[in-house]
Amino acid sequence: SLSEIFKFNTIMMLVMLMMMFLSALTFS
């Protein structure tokens, strides 16, 4: 999904990666 979003909006992809890190913190 990120690879598809990267074609559309690179800034959105960077924000998504940061949010994925937050999800890892929540499951900790």
mmCIF file of all heavy atoms, coordinates in Angstrom:
data_MODEL
# 
_entry.id   MODEL 
# 
loop_
_atom_site.group_PDB 
_atom_site.id 
_atom_site.type_symbol 
_atom_site.label_atom_id 
_atom_site.label_alt_id 
_atom_site.label_comp_id 
_atom_site.label_asym_id 
_atom_site.label_entity_id 
_atom_site.label_seq_id 
_atom_site.pdbx_PDB_ins_code 
_atom_site.Cartn_x 
_atom_site.Cartn_y 
_atom_site.Cartn_z 
_atom_site.occupancy 
_atom_site.B_iso_or_equiv 
_atom_site.pdbx_formal_charge 
_atom_site.auth_seq_id 
_atom_site.auth_comp_id 
_atom_site.auth_asym_id 
_atom_site.auth_atom_id 
_atom_site.pdbx_PDB_model_num 
ATOM 1   N N   . SER A 1 1  ? 0.835  -1.206 0.000  1.00 0.00 ? 1  SER A N   1 
ATOM 2   C CA  . SER A 1 1  ? 0.000  0.000  0.000  1.00 0.00 ? 1  SER A CA  1 
ATOM 3   C C   . SER A 1 1  ? 0.869  1.255  0.000  1.00 0.00 ? 1  SER A C   1 
ATOM 4   O O   . SER A 1 1  ? 0.593  2.226  -0.706 1.00 0.00 ? 1  SER A O   1 
ATOM 5   C CB  . SER A 1 1  ? -0.932 0.005  1.211  1.00 0.00 ? 1  SER A CB  1 
ATOM 6   O OG  . SER A 1 1  ? -1.822 -1.081 1.166  1.00 0.00 ? 1  SER A OG  1 
ATOM 7   N N   . LEU A 1 2  ? 1.953  1.230  0.790  1.00 0.00 ? 2  LEU A N   1 
ATOM 8   C CA  . LEU A 1 2  ? 2.859  2.372  0.827  1.00 0.00 ? 2  LEU A CA  1 
ATOM 9   C C   . LEU A 1 2  ? 3.521  2.597  -0.525 1.00 0.00 ? 2  LEU A C   1 
ATOM 10  O O   . LEU A 1 2  ? 3.731  3.739  -0.953 1.00 0.00 ? 2  LEU A O   1 
ATOM 11  C CB  . LEU A 1 2  ? 3.927  2.164  1.904  1.00 0.00 ? 2  LEU A CB  1 
ATOM 12  C CG  . LEU A 1 2  ? 3.526  2.504  3.341  1.00 0.00 ? 2  LEU A CG  1 
ATOM 13  C CD1 . LEU A 1 2  ? 4.591  2.050  4.315  1.00 0.00 ? 2  LEU A CD1 1 
ATOM 14  C CD2 . LEU A 1 2  ? 3.308  3.997  3.493  1.00 0.00 ? 2  LEU A CD2 1 
ATOM 15  N N   . SER A 1 3  ? 3.869  1.509  -1.217 1.00 0.00 ? 3  SER A N   1 
ATOM 16  C CA  . SER A 1 3  ? 4.503  1.655  -2.521 1.00 0.00 ? 3  SER A CA  1 
ATOM 17  C C   . SER A 1 3  ? 3.565  2.322  -3.525 1.00 0.00 ? 3  SER A C   1 
ATOM 18  O O   . SER A 1 3  ? 4.002  3.080  -4.394 1.00 0.00 ? 3  SER A O   1 
ATOM 19  C CB  . SER A 1 3  ? 4.952  0.289  -3.043 1.00 0.00 ? 3  SER A CB  1 
ATOM 20  O OG  . SER A 1 3  ? 3.835  -0.534 -3.328 1.00 0.00 ? 3  SER A OG  1 
ATOM 21  N N   . GLU A 1 4  ? 2.234  2.053  -3.387 1.00 0.00 ? 4  GLU A N   1 
ATOM 22  C CA  . GLU A 1 4  ? 1.264  2.702  -4.258 1.00 0.00 ? 4  GLU A CA  1 
ATOM 23  C C   . GLU A 1 4  ? 1.062  4.163  -3.864 1.00 0.00 ? 4  GLU A C   1 
ATOM 24  O O   . GLU A 1 4  ? 0.955  5.048  -4.716 1.00 0.00 ? 4  GLU A O   1 
ATOM 25  C CB  . GLU A 1 4  ? -0.078 1.962  -4.212 1.00 0.00 ? 4  GLU A CB  1 
ATOM 26  C CG  . GLU A 1 4  ? -0.037 0.542  -4.753 1.00 0.00 ? 4  GLU A CG  1 
ATOM 27  C CD  . GLU A 1 4  ? 0.334  0.495  -6.219 1.00 0.00 ? 4  GLU A CD  1 
ATOM 28  O OE1 . GLU A 1 4  ? 0.009  1.451  -6.952 1.00 0.00 ? 4  GLU A OE1 1 
ATOM 29  O OE2 . GLU A 1 4  ? 0.966  -0.483 -6.632 1.00 0.00 ? 4  GLU A OE2 1 
ATOM 30  N N   . ILE A 1 5  ? 1.011  4.435  -2.552 1.00 0.00 ? 5  ILE A N   1 
ATOM 31  C CA  . ILE A 1 5  ? 0.820  5.811  -2.080 1.00 0.00 ? 5  ILE A CA  1 
ATOM 32  C C   . ILE A 1 5  ? 2.027  6.668  -2.458 1.00 0.00 ? 5  ILE A C   1 
ATOM 33  O O   . ILE A 1 5  ? 1.900  7.861  -2.742 1.00 0.00 ? 5  ILE A O   1 
ATOM 34  C CB  . ILE A 1 5  ? 0.580  5.818  -0.554 1.00 0.00 ? 5  ILE A CB  1 
ATOM 35  C CG1 . ILE A 1 5  ? -0.742 5.111  -0.229 1.00 0.00 ? 5  ILE A CG1 1 
ATOM 36  C CG2 . ILE A 1 5  ? 0.545  7.241  -0.003 1.00 0.00 ? 5  ILE A CG2 1 
ATOM 37  C CD1 . ILE A 1 5  ? -0.919 4.806  1.228  1.00 0.00 ? 5  ILE A CD1 1 
ATOM 38  N N   . PHE A 1 6  ? 3.220  6.056  -2.485 1.00 0.00 ? 6  PHE A N   1 
ATOM 39  C CA  . PHE A 1 6  ? 4.442  6.792  -2.819 1.00 0.00 ? 6  PHE A CA  1 
ATOM 40  C C   . PHE A 1 6  ? 4.359  7.405  -4.213 1.00 0.00 ? 6  PHE A C   1 
ATOM 41  O O   . PHE A 1 6  ? 4.890  8.488  -4.470 1.00 0.00 ? 6  PHE A O   1 
ATOM 42  C CB  . PHE A 1 6  ? 5.638  5.844  -2.726 1.00 0.00 ? 6  PHE A CB  1 
ATOM 43  C CG  . PHE A 1 6  ? 6.963  6.517  -2.979 1.00 0.00 ? 6  PHE A CG  1 
ATOM 44  C CD1 . PHE A 1 6  ? 7.486  7.402  -2.051 1.00 0.00 ? 6  PHE A CD1 1 
ATOM 45  C CD2 . PHE A 1 6  ? 7.667  6.274  -4.141 1.00 0.00 ? 6  PHE A CD2 1 
ATOM 46  C CE1 . PHE A 1 6  ? 8.706  8.034  -2.277 1.00 0.00 ? 6  PHE A CE1 1 
ATOM 47  C CE2 . PHE A 1 6  ? 8.883  6.897  -4.383 1.00 0.00 ? 6  PHE A CE2 1 
ATOM 48  C CZ  . PHE A 1 6  ? 9.404  7.782  -3.450 1.00 0.00 ? 6  PHE A CZ  1 
ATOM 49  N N   . LYS A 1 7  ? 3.655  6.723  -5.127 1.00 0.00 ? 7  LYS A N   1 
ATOM 50  C CA  . LYS A 1 7  ? 3.479  7.268  -6.479 1.00 0.00 ? 7  LYS A CA  1 
ATOM 51  C C   . LYS A 1 7  ? 2.567  8.494  -6.471 1.00 0.00 ? 7  LYS A C   1 
ATOM 52  O O   . LYS A 1 7  ? 2.620  9.318  -7.378 1.00 0.00 ? 7  LYS A O   1 
ATOM 53  C CB  . LYS A 1 7  ? 2.860  6.202  -7.396 1.00 0.00 ? 7  LYS A CB  1 
ATOM 54  C CG  . LYS A 1 7  ? 3.672  4.926  -7.514 1.00 0.00 ? 7  LYS A CG  1 
ATOM 55  C CD  . LYS A 1 7  ? 2.883  3.881  -8.290 1.00 0.00 ? 7  LYS A CD  1 
ATOM 56  C CE  . LYS A 1 7  ? 3.595  2.533  -8.285 1.00 0.00 ? 7  LYS A CE  1 
ATOM 57  N NZ  . LYS A 1 7  ? 2.775  1.481  -8.920 1.00 0.00 ? 7  LYS A NZ  1 
ATOM 58  N N   . PHE A 1 8  ? 1.740  8.586  -5.454 1.00 0.00 ? 8  PHE A N   1 
ATOM 59  C CA  . PHE A 1 8  ? 0.700  9.622  -5.413 1.00 0.00 ? 8  PHE A CA  1 
ATOM 60  C C   . PHE A 1 8  ? 1.131  10.829 -4.579 1.00 0.00 ? 8  PHE A C   1 
ATOM 61  O O   . PHE A 1 8  ? 0.954  11.963 -4.985 1.00 0.00 ? 8  PHE A O   1 
ATOM 62  C CB  . PHE A 1 8  ? -0.579 9.007  -4.840 1.00 0.00 ? 8  PHE A CB  1 
ATOM 63  C CG  . PHE A 1 8  ? -1.718 9.973  -4.697 1.00 0.00 ? 8  PHE A CG  1 
ATOM 64  C CD1 . PHE A 1 8  ? -2.405 10.418 -5.812 1.00 0.00 ? 8  PHE A CD1 1 
ATOM 65  C CD2 . PHE A 1 8  ? -2.109 10.429 -3.453 1.00 0.00 ? 8  PHE A CD2 1 
ATOM 66  C CE1 . PHE A 1 8  ? -3.449 11.317 -5.691 1.00 0.00 ? 8  PHE A CE1 1 
ATOM 67  C CE2 . PHE A 1 8  ? -3.158 11.319 -3.316 1.00 0.00 ? 8  PHE A CE2 1 
ATOM 68  C CZ  . PHE A 1 8  ? -3.826 11.760 -4.442 1.00 0.00 ? 8  PHE A CZ  1 
ATOM 69  N N   . ASN A 1 9  ? 1.721  10.570 -3.422 1.00 0.00 ? 9  ASN A N   1 
ATOM 70  C CA  . ASN A 1 9  ? 2.046  11.657 -2.506 1.00 0.00 ? 9  ASN A CA  1 
ATOM 71  C C   . ASN A 1 9  ? 3.175  11.215 -1.578 1.00 0.00 ? 9  ASN A C   1 
ATOM 72  O O   . ASN A 1 9  ? 2.960  10.409 -0.677 1.00 0.00 ? 9  ASN A O   1 
ATOM 73  C CB  . ASN A 1 9  ? 0.803  12.044 -1.698 1.00 0.00 ? 9  ASN A CB  1 
ATOM 74  C CG  . ASN A 1 9  ? 0.989  13.342 -0.942 1.00 0.00 ? 9  ASN A CG  1 
ATOM 75  O OD1 . ASN A 1 9  ? 2.078  13.645 -0.476 1.00 0.00 ? 9  ASN A OD1 1 
ATOM 76  N ND2 . ASN A 1 9  ? -0.085 14.110 -0.817 1.00 0.00 ? 9  ASN A ND2 1 
ATOM 77  N N   . THR A 1 10 ? 4.360  11.742 -1.786 1.00 0.00 ? 10 THR A N   1 
ATOM 78  C CA  . THR A 1 10 ? 5.520  11.313 -0.988 1.00 0.00 ? 10 THR A CA  1 
ATOM 79  C C   . THR A 1 10 ? 5.445  11.819 0.436  1.00 0.00 ? 10 THR A C   1 
ATOM 80  O O   . THR A 1 10 ? 5.875  11.135 1.371  1.00 0.00 ? 10 THR A O   1 
ATOM 81  C CB  . THR A 1 10 ? 6.821  11.805 -1.641 1.00 0.00 ? 10 THR A CB  1 
ATOM 82  O OG1 . THR A 1 10 ? 6.716  13.213 -1.876 1.00 0.00 ? 10 THR A OG1 1 
ATOM 83  C CG2 . THR A 1 10 ? 7.060  11.108 -2.962 1.00 0.00 ? 10 THR A CG2 1 
ATOM 84  N N   . ILE A 1 11 ? 4.904  13.027 0.647  1.00 0.00 ? 11 ILE A N   1 
ATOM 85  C CA  . ILE A 1 11 ? 4.797  13.567 2.011  1.00 0.00 ? 11 ILE A CA  1 
ATOM 86  C C   . ILE A 1 11 ? 3.869  12.697 2.843  1.00 0.00 ? 11 ILE A C   1 
ATOM 87  O O   . ILE A 1 11 ? 4.153  12.387 4.011  1.00 0.00 ? 11 ILE A O   1 
ATOM 88  C CB  . ILE A 1 11 ? 4.282  15.024 1.975  1.00 0.00 ? 11 ILE A CB  1 
ATOM 89  C CG1 . ILE A 1 11 ? 5.234  15.915 1.175  1.00 0.00 ? 11 ILE A CG1 1 
ATOM 90  C CG2 . ILE A 1 11 ? 4.107  15.559 3.391  1.00 0.00 ? 11 ILE A CG2 1 
ATOM 91  C CD1 . ILE A 1 11 ? 6.629  16.003 1.758  1.00 0.00 ? 11 ILE A CD1 1 
ATOM 92  N N   . MET A 1 12 ? 2.749  12.279 2.235  1.00 0.00 ? 12 MET A N   1 
ATOM 93  C CA  . MET A 1 12 ? 1.805  11.420 2.946  1.00 0.00 ? 12 MET A CA  1 
ATOM 94  C C   . MET A 1 12 ? 2.479  10.112 3.357  1.00 0.00 ? 12 MET A C   1 
ATOM 95  O O   . MET A 1 12 ? 2.255  9.584  4.441  1.00 0.00 ? 12 MET A O   1 
ATOM 96  C CB  . MET A 1 12 ? 0.584  11.124 2.073  1.00 0.00 ? 12 MET A CB  1 
ATOM 97  C CG  . MET A 1 12 ? -0.520 10.373 2.800  1.00 0.00 ? 12 MET A CG  1 
ATOM 98  S SD  . MET A 1 12 ? -1.909 9.943  1.731  1.00 0.00 ? 12 MET A SD  1 
ATOM 99  C CE  . MET A 1 12 ? -2.631 11.561 1.472  1.00 0.00 ? 12 MET A CE  1 
ATOM 100 N N   . MET A 1 13 ? 3.346  9.595  2.480  1.00 0.00 ? 13 MET A N   1 
ATOM 101 C CA  . MET A 1 13 ? 4.028  8.341  2.798  1.00 0.00 ? 13 MET A CA  1 
ATOM 102 C C   . MET A 1 13 ? 4.935  8.503  4.015  1.00 0.00 ? 13 MET A C   1 
ATOM 103 O O   . MET A 1 13 ? 4.982  7.630  4.890  1.00 0.00 ? 13 MET A O   1 
ATOM 104 C CB  . MET A 1 13 ? 4.850  7.874  1.594  1.00 0.00 ? 13 MET A CB  1 
ATOM 105 C CG  . MET A 1 13 ? 5.634  6.599  1.870  1.00 0.00 ? 13 MET A CG  1 
ATOM 106 S SD  . MET A 1 13 ? 6.594  6.061  0.464  1.00 0.00 ? 13 MET A SD  1 
ATOM 107 C CE  . MET A 1 13 ? 7.454  4.658  1.212  1.00 0.00 ? 13 MET A CE  1 
ATOM 108 N N   . LEU A 1 14 ? 5.647  9.621  4.105  1.00 0.00 ? 14 LEU A N   1 
ATOM 109 C CA  . LEU A 1 14 ? 6.526  9.848  5.251  1.00 0.00 ? 14 LEU A CA  1 
ATOM 110 C C   . LEU A 1 14 ? 5.726  9.933  6.549  1.00 0.00 ? 14 LEU A C   1 
ATOM 111 O O   . LEU A 1 14 ? 6.123  9.385  7.588  1.00 0.00 ? 14 LEU A O   1 
ATOM 112 C CB  . LEU A 1 14 ? 7.337  11.131 5.043  1.00 0.00 ? 14 LEU A CB  1 
ATOM 113 C CG  . LEU A 1 14 ? 8.376  11.083 3.921  1.00 0.00 ? 14 LEU A CG  1 
ATOM 114 C CD1 . LEU A 1 14 ? 9.028  12.445 3.735  1.00 0.00 ? 14 LEU A CD1 1 
ATOM 115 C CD2 . LEU A 1 14 ? 9.438  10.032 4.218  1.00 0.00 ? 14 LEU A CD2 1 
ATOM 116 N N   . VAL A 1 15 ? 4.571  10.615 6.488  1.00 0.00 ? 15 VAL A N   1 
ATOM 117 C CA  . VAL A 1 15 ? 3.718  10.709 7.677  1.00 0.00 ? 15 VAL A CA  1 
ATOM 118 C C   . VAL A 1 15 ? 3.195  9.322  8.053  1.00 0.00 ? 15 VAL A C   1 
ATOM 119 O O   . VAL A 1 15 ? 3.130  8.964  9.242  1.00 0.00 ? 15 VAL A O   1 
ATOM 120 C CB  . VAL A 1 15 ? 2.548  11.684 7.417  1.00 0.00 ? 15 VAL A CB  1 
ATOM 121 C CG1 . VAL A 1 15 ? 1.599  11.723 8.608  1.00 0.00 ? 15 VAL A CG1 1 
ATOM 122 C CG2 . VAL A 1 15 ? 3.089  13.080 7.131  1.00 0.00 ? 15 VAL A CG2 1 
ATOM 123 N N   . MET A 1 16 ? 2.843  8.507  7.040  1.00 0.00 ? 16 MET A N   1 
ATOM 124 C CA  . MET A 1 16 ? 2.368  7.145  7.291  1.00 0.00 ? 16 MET A CA  1 
ATOM 125 C C   . MET A 1 16 ? 3.431  6.316  8.004  1.00 0.00 ? 16 MET A C   1 
ATOM 126 O O   . MET A 1 16 ? 3.131  5.550  8.930  1.00 0.00 ? 16 MET A O   1 
ATOM 127 C CB  . MET A 1 16 ? 2.013  6.462  5.971  1.00 0.00 ? 16 MET A CB  1 
ATOM 128 C CG  . MET A 1 16 ? 0.761  6.996  5.329  1.00 0.00 ? 16 MET A CG  1 
ATOM 129 S SD  . MET A 1 16 ? -0.691 6.475  6.237  1.00 0.00 ? 16 MET A SD  1 
ATOM 130 C CE  . MET A 1 16 ? -1.957 7.104  5.166  1.00 0.00 ? 16 MET A CE  1 
ATOM 131 N N   . LEU A 1 17 ? 4.674  6.434  7.569  1.00 0.00 ? 17 LEU A N   1 
ATOM 132 C CA  . LEU A 1 17 ? 5.760  5.669  8.205  1.00 0.00 ? 17 LEU A CA  1 
ATOM 133 C C   . LEU A 1 17 ? 5.903  6.054  9.676  1.00 0.00 ? 17 LEU A C   1 
ATOM 134 O O   . LEU A 1 17 ? 6.141  5.203  10.535 1.00 0.00 ? 17 LEU A O   1 
ATOM 135 C CB  . LEU A 1 17 ? 7.070  5.905  7.456  1.00 0.00 ? 17 LEU A CB  1 
ATOM 136 C CG  . LEU A 1 17 ? 7.176  5.250  6.077  1.00 0.00 ? 17 LEU A CG  1 
ATOM 137 C CD1 . LEU A 1 17 ? 8.400  5.743  5.333  1.00 0.00 ? 17 LEU A CD1 1 
ATOM 138 C CD2 . LEU A 1 17 ? 7.227  3.730  6.229  1.00 0.00 ? 17 LEU A CD2 1 
ATOM 139 N N   . MET A 1 18 ? 5.755  7.345  9.966  1.00 0.00 ? 18 MET A N   1 
ATOM 140 C CA  . MET A 1 18 ? 5.824  7.785  11.353 1.00 0.00 ? 18 MET A CA  1 
ATOM 141 C C   . MET A 1 18 ? 4.668  7.205  12.164 1.00 0.00 ? 18 MET A C   1 
ATOM 142 O O   . MET A 1 18 ? 4.844  6.768  13.308 1.00 0.00 ? 18 MET A O   1 
ATOM 143 C CB  . MET A 1 18 ? 5.795  9.311  11.410 1.00 0.00 ? 18 MET A CB  1 
ATOM 144 C CG  . MET A 1 18 ? 5.960  9.875  12.810 1.00 0.00 ? 18 MET A CG  1 
ATOM 145 S SD  . MET A 1 18 ? 5.785  11.660 12.867 1.00 0.00 ? 18 MET A SD  1 
ATOM 146 C CE  . MET A 1 18 ? 4.020  11.830 12.647 1.00 0.00 ? 18 MET A CE  1 
ATOM 147 N N   . MET A 1 19 ? 3.461  7.164  11.558 1.00 0.00 ? 19 MET A N   1 
ATOM 148 C CA  . MET A 1 19 ? 2.309  6.622  12.253 1.00 0.00 ? 19 MET A CA  1 
ATOM 149 C C   . MET A 1 19 ? 2.452  5.115  12.470 1.00 0.00 ? 19 MET A C   1 
ATOM 150 O O   . MET A 1 19 ? 2.002  4.580  13.487 1.00 0.00 ? 19 MET A O   1 
ATOM 151 C CB  . MET A 1 19 ? 1.034  6.916  11.465 1.00 0.00 ? 19 MET A CB  1 
ATOM 152 C CG  . MET A 1 19 ? 0.741  8.387  11.256 1.00 0.00 ? 19 MET A CG  1 
ATOM 153 S SD  . MET A 1 19 ? 0.623  9.329  12.781 1.00 0.00 ? 19 MET A SD  1 
ATOM 154 C CE  . MET A 1 19 ? -0.891 8.693  13.472 1.00 0.00 ? 19 MET A CE  1 
ATOM 155 N N   . MET A 1 20 ? 3.095  4.417  11.522 1.00 0.00 ? 20 MET A N   1 
ATOM 156 C CA  . MET A 1 20 ? 3.331  2.981  11.709 1.00 0.00 ? 20 MET A CA  1 
ATOM 157 C C   . MET A 1 20 ? 4.239  2.741  12.904 1.00 0.00 ? 20 MET A C   1 
ATOM 158 O O   . MET A 1 20 ? 4.072  1.771  13.654 1.00 0.00 ? 20 MET A O   1 
ATOM 159 C CB  . MET A 1 20 ? 3.947  2.371  10.449 1.00 0.00 ? 20 MET A CB  1 
ATOM 160 C CG  . MET A 1 20 ? 2.971  2.243  9.294  1.00 0.00 ? 20 MET A CG  1 
ATOM 161 S SD  . MET A 1 20 ? 3.758  1.702  7.776  1.00 0.00 ? 20 MET A SD  1 
ATOM 162 C CE  . MET A 1 20 ? 4.150  0.007  8.201  1.00 0.00 ? 20 MET A CE  1 
ATOM 163 N N   . PHE A 1 21 ? 5.194  3.631  13.109 1.00 0.00 ? 21 PHE A N   1 
ATOM 164 C CA  . PHE A 1 21 ? 6.061  3.522  14.295 1.00 0.00 ? 21 PHE A CA  1 
ATOM 165 C C   . PHE A 1 21 ? 5.232  3.688  15.566 1.00 0.00 ? 21 PHE A C   1 
ATOM 166 O O   . PHE A 1 21 ? 5.442  2.981  16.560 1.00 0.00 ? 21 PHE A O   1 
ATOM 167 C CB  . PHE A 1 21 ? 7.161  4.581  14.224 1.00 0.00 ? 21 PHE A CB  1 
ATOM 168 C CG  . PHE A 1 21 ? 7.970  4.692  15.481 1.00 0.00 ? 21 PHE A CG  1 
ATOM 169 C CD1 . PHE A 1 21 ? 8.834  3.665  15.856 1.00 0.00 ? 21 PHE A CD1 1 
ATOM 170 C CD2 . PHE A 1 21 ? 7.871  5.803  16.298 1.00 0.00 ? 21 PHE A CD2 1 
ATOM 171 C CE1 . PHE A 1 21 ? 9.569  3.760  17.025 1.00 0.00 ? 21 PHE A CE1 1 
ATOM 172 C CE2 . PHE A 1 21 ? 8.596  5.900  17.463 1.00 0.00 ? 21 PHE A CE2 1 
ATOM 173 C CZ  . PHE A 1 21 ? 9.463  4.876  17.824 1.00 0.00 ? 21 PHE A CZ  1 
ATOM 174 N N   . LEU A 1 22 ? 4.252  4.605  15.534 1.00 0.00 ? 22 LEU A N   1 
ATOM 175 C CA  . LEU A 1 22 ? 3.372  4.777  16.694 1.00 0.00 ? 22 LEU A CA  1 
ATOM 176 C C   . LEU A 1 22 ? 2.563  3.505  16.964 1.00 0.00 ? 22 LEU A C   1 
ATOM 177 O O   . LEU A 1 22 ? 2.350  3.130  18.121 1.00 0.00 ? 22 LEU A O   1 
ATOM 178 C CB  . LEU A 1 22 ? 2.411  5.944  16.457 1.00 0.00 ? 22 LEU A CB  1 
ATOM 179 C CG  . LEU A 1 22 ? 2.961  7.358  16.637 1.00 0.00 ? 22 LEU A CG  1 
ATOM 180 C CD1 . LEU A 1 22 ? 1.874  8.379  16.382 1.00 0.00 ? 22 LEU A CD1 1 
ATOM 181 C CD2 . LEU A 1 22 ? 3.547  7.537  18.020 1.00 0.00 ? 22 LEU A CD2 1 
ATOM 182 N N   . SER A 1 23 ? 2.116  2.823  15.898 1.00 0.00 ? 23 SER A N   1 
ATOM 183 C CA  . SER A 1 23 ? 1.354  1.593  16.104 1.00 0.00 ? 23 SER A CA  1 
ATOM 184 C C   . SER A 1 23 ? 2.221  0.529  16.769 1.00 0.00 ? 23 SER A C   1 
ATOM 185 O O   . SER A 1 23 ? 1.747  -0.258 17.595 1.00 0.00 ? 23 SER A O   1 
ATOM 186 C CB  . SER A 1 23 ? 0.802  1.074  14.775 1.00 0.00 ? 23 SER A CB  1 
ATOM 187 O OG  . SER A 1 23 ? 1.786  0.403  14.027 1.00 0.00 ? 23 SER A OG  1 
ATOM 188 N N   . ALA A 1 24 ? 3.519  0.485  16.416 1.00 0.00 ? 24 ALA A N   1 
ATOM 189 C CA  . ALA A 1 24 ? 4.424  -0.471 17.080 1.00 0.00 ? 24 ALA A CA  1 
ATOM 190 C C   . ALA A 1 24 ? 4.538  -0.157 18.567 1.00 0.00 ? 24 ALA A C   1 
ATOM 191 O O   . ALA A 1 24 ? 4.616  -1.052 19.411 1.00 0.00 ? 24 ALA A O   1 
ATOM 192 C CB  . ALA A 1 24 ? 5.796  -0.433 16.412 1.00 0.00 ? 24 ALA A CB  1 
ATOM 193 N N   . LEU A 1 25 ? 4.527  1.142  18.915 1.00 0.00 ? 25 LEU A N   1 
ATOM 194 C CA  . LEU A 1 25 ? 4.584  1.518  20.330 1.00 0.00 ? 25 LEU A CA  1 
ATOM 195 C C   . LEU A 1 25 ? 3.332  1.067  21.071 1.00 0.00 ? 25 LEU A C   1 
ATOM 196 O O   . LEU A 1 25 ? 3.401  0.635  22.223 1.00 0.00 ? 25 LEU A O   1 
ATOM 197 C CB  . LEU A 1 25 ? 4.743  3.036  20.465 1.00 0.00 ? 25 LEU A CB  1 
ATOM 198 C CG  . LEU A 1 25 ? 6.089  3.642  20.058 1.00 0.00 ? 25 LEU A CG  1 
ATOM 199 C CD1 . LEU A 1 25 ? 6.063  5.140  20.274 1.00 0.00 ? 25 LEU A CD1 1 
ATOM 200 C CD2 . LEU A 1 25 ? 7.222  3.018  20.860 1.00 0.00 ? 25 LEU A CD2 1 
ATOM 201 N N   . THR A 1 26 ? 2.186  1.181  20.423 1.00 0.00 ? 26 THR A N   1 
ATOM 202 C CA  . THR A 1 26 ? 0.951  0.810  21.106 1.00 0.00 ? 26 THR A CA  1 
ATOM 203 C C   . THR A 1 26 ? 0.907  -0.690 21.382 1.00 0.00 ? 26 THR A C   1 
ATOM 204 O O   . THR A 1 26 ? 0.474  -1.119 22.449 1.00 0.00 ? 26 THR A O   1 
ATOM 205 C CB  . THR A 1 26 ? -0.274 1.195  20.263 1.00 0.00 ? 26 THR A CB  1 
ATOM 206 O OG1 . THR A 1 26 ? -0.188 0.555  18.997 1.00 0.00 ? 26 THR A OG1 1 
ATOM 207 C CG2 . THR A 1 26 ? -0.338 2.685  20.053 1.00 0.00 ? 26 THR A CG2 1 
ATOM 208 N N   . PHE A 1 27 ? 1.390  -1.500 20.431 1.00 0.00 ? 27 PHE A N   1 
ATOM 209 C CA  . PHE A 1 27 ? 1.382  -2.942 20.654 1.00 0.00 ? 27 PHE A CA  1 
ATOM 210 C C   . PHE A 1 27 ? 2.499  -3.394 21.591 1.00 0.00 ? 27 PHE A C   1 
ATOM 211 O O   . PHE A 1 27 ? 2.553  -4.560 21.970 1.00 0.00 ? 27 PHE A O   1 
ATOM 212 C CB  . PHE A 1 27 ? 1.474  -3.692 19.319 1.00 0.00 ? 27 PHE A CB  1 
ATOM 213 C CG  . PHE A 1 27 ? 0.167  -3.733 18.586 1.00 0.00 ? 27 PHE A CG  1 
ATOM 214 C CD1 . PHE A 1 27 ? -0.072 -2.890 17.518 1.00 0.00 ? 27 PHE A CD1 1 
ATOM 215 C CD2 . PHE A 1 27 ? -0.841 -4.591 18.993 1.00 0.00 ? 27 PHE A CD2 1 
ATOM 216 C CE1 . PHE A 1 27 ? -1.291 -2.920 16.856 1.00 0.00 ? 27 PHE A CE1 1 
ATOM 217 C CE2 . PHE A 1 27 ? -2.064 -4.622 18.341 1.00 0.00 ? 27 PHE A CE2 1 
ATOM 218 C CZ  . PHE A 1 27 ? -2.281 -3.784 17.267 1.00 0.00 ? 27 PHE A CZ  1 
ATOM 219 N N   . SER A 1 28 ? 3.389  -2.473 21.957 1.00 0.00 ? 28 SER A N   1 
ATOM 220 C CA  . SER A 1 28 ? 4.414  -2.838 22.944 1.00 0.00 ? 28 SER A CA  1 
ATOM 221 C C   . SER A 1 28 ? 3.771  -3.148 24.294 1.00 0.00 ? 28 SER A C   1 
ATOM 222 O O   . SER A 1 28 ? 4.394  -3.765 25.155 1.00 0.00 ? 28 SER A O   1 
ATOM 223 C CB  . SER A 1 28 ? 5.432  -1.707 23.086 1.00 0.00 ? 28 SER A CB  1 
ATOM 224 O OG  . SER A 1 28 ? 4.813  -0.532 23.581 1.00 0.00 ? 28 SER A OG  1 
# 
